[in-house]
Amino acid sequence: MADIDWEALIDANANKAYCFAMGLCGNEDDARELVQEAFAKAMDRIDTHDPSLPFEAWFLTVLKHLYLDGTKKYEKRHSQSLDMPIDESGLSVSDGVVDIREMSLLDRMERQENTNLVRRAMRALTPDARAVLLMIDLEGLSYEEAAAVMACPLNTLRSRIVRARAALKQRLLALEVTS
């Protein structure tokens, strides 16, 4: 397997891996570090990849396992919120998602409040529940791809999705009542 074009594999998978890692970690520095560790591990362990299966699913599995293995380490670190300013203008990463010129101040405030509620609710979920929701609902992976990443049967994944969505809904409702 020495003829692997790692540059092409990294180019093809880096953005999705970063988005997935960002959703798991919750901050840019840890997400970048996790993606770098995952690519390094993938390079070391490429012999365990079945070439008949998509690289992306295998790679996201590597990334997920690294995250789960290091959860305690990540929880102890100081996390940096997406809402923290990224430069002297005071804008954050979450501000850049939508063109703020197209929204009124009240719309932006409501969107920010909703975004914060979803983030808080997601952080309260188990890592597996968070991973399932990120892969299916944010990253757009198929159920089959997500099942491969989670290393579980398809029906198990479907059950996890239902439970994760229910848990997210319950946490969102609880947060709205207390807000």
Foldseek 3Di string as FASTA:
>chain_A
DVPDPLVVVCVVAVVLQLLLLCLLLQANVRSVVLLVVLSVVCVVVVVVDDVVDDPNLVSLLSSLVVCVVCVVVSVPDDGDHQCAAPDPVNHGNVCVVDPCVVDDPVVVVVVVVVVVLLSVLLVPDDSVLSSLCCVVVPVPDDLVSSCSSVVHDSVVSVVSPVVSVVSSVVSSVVVVVVD
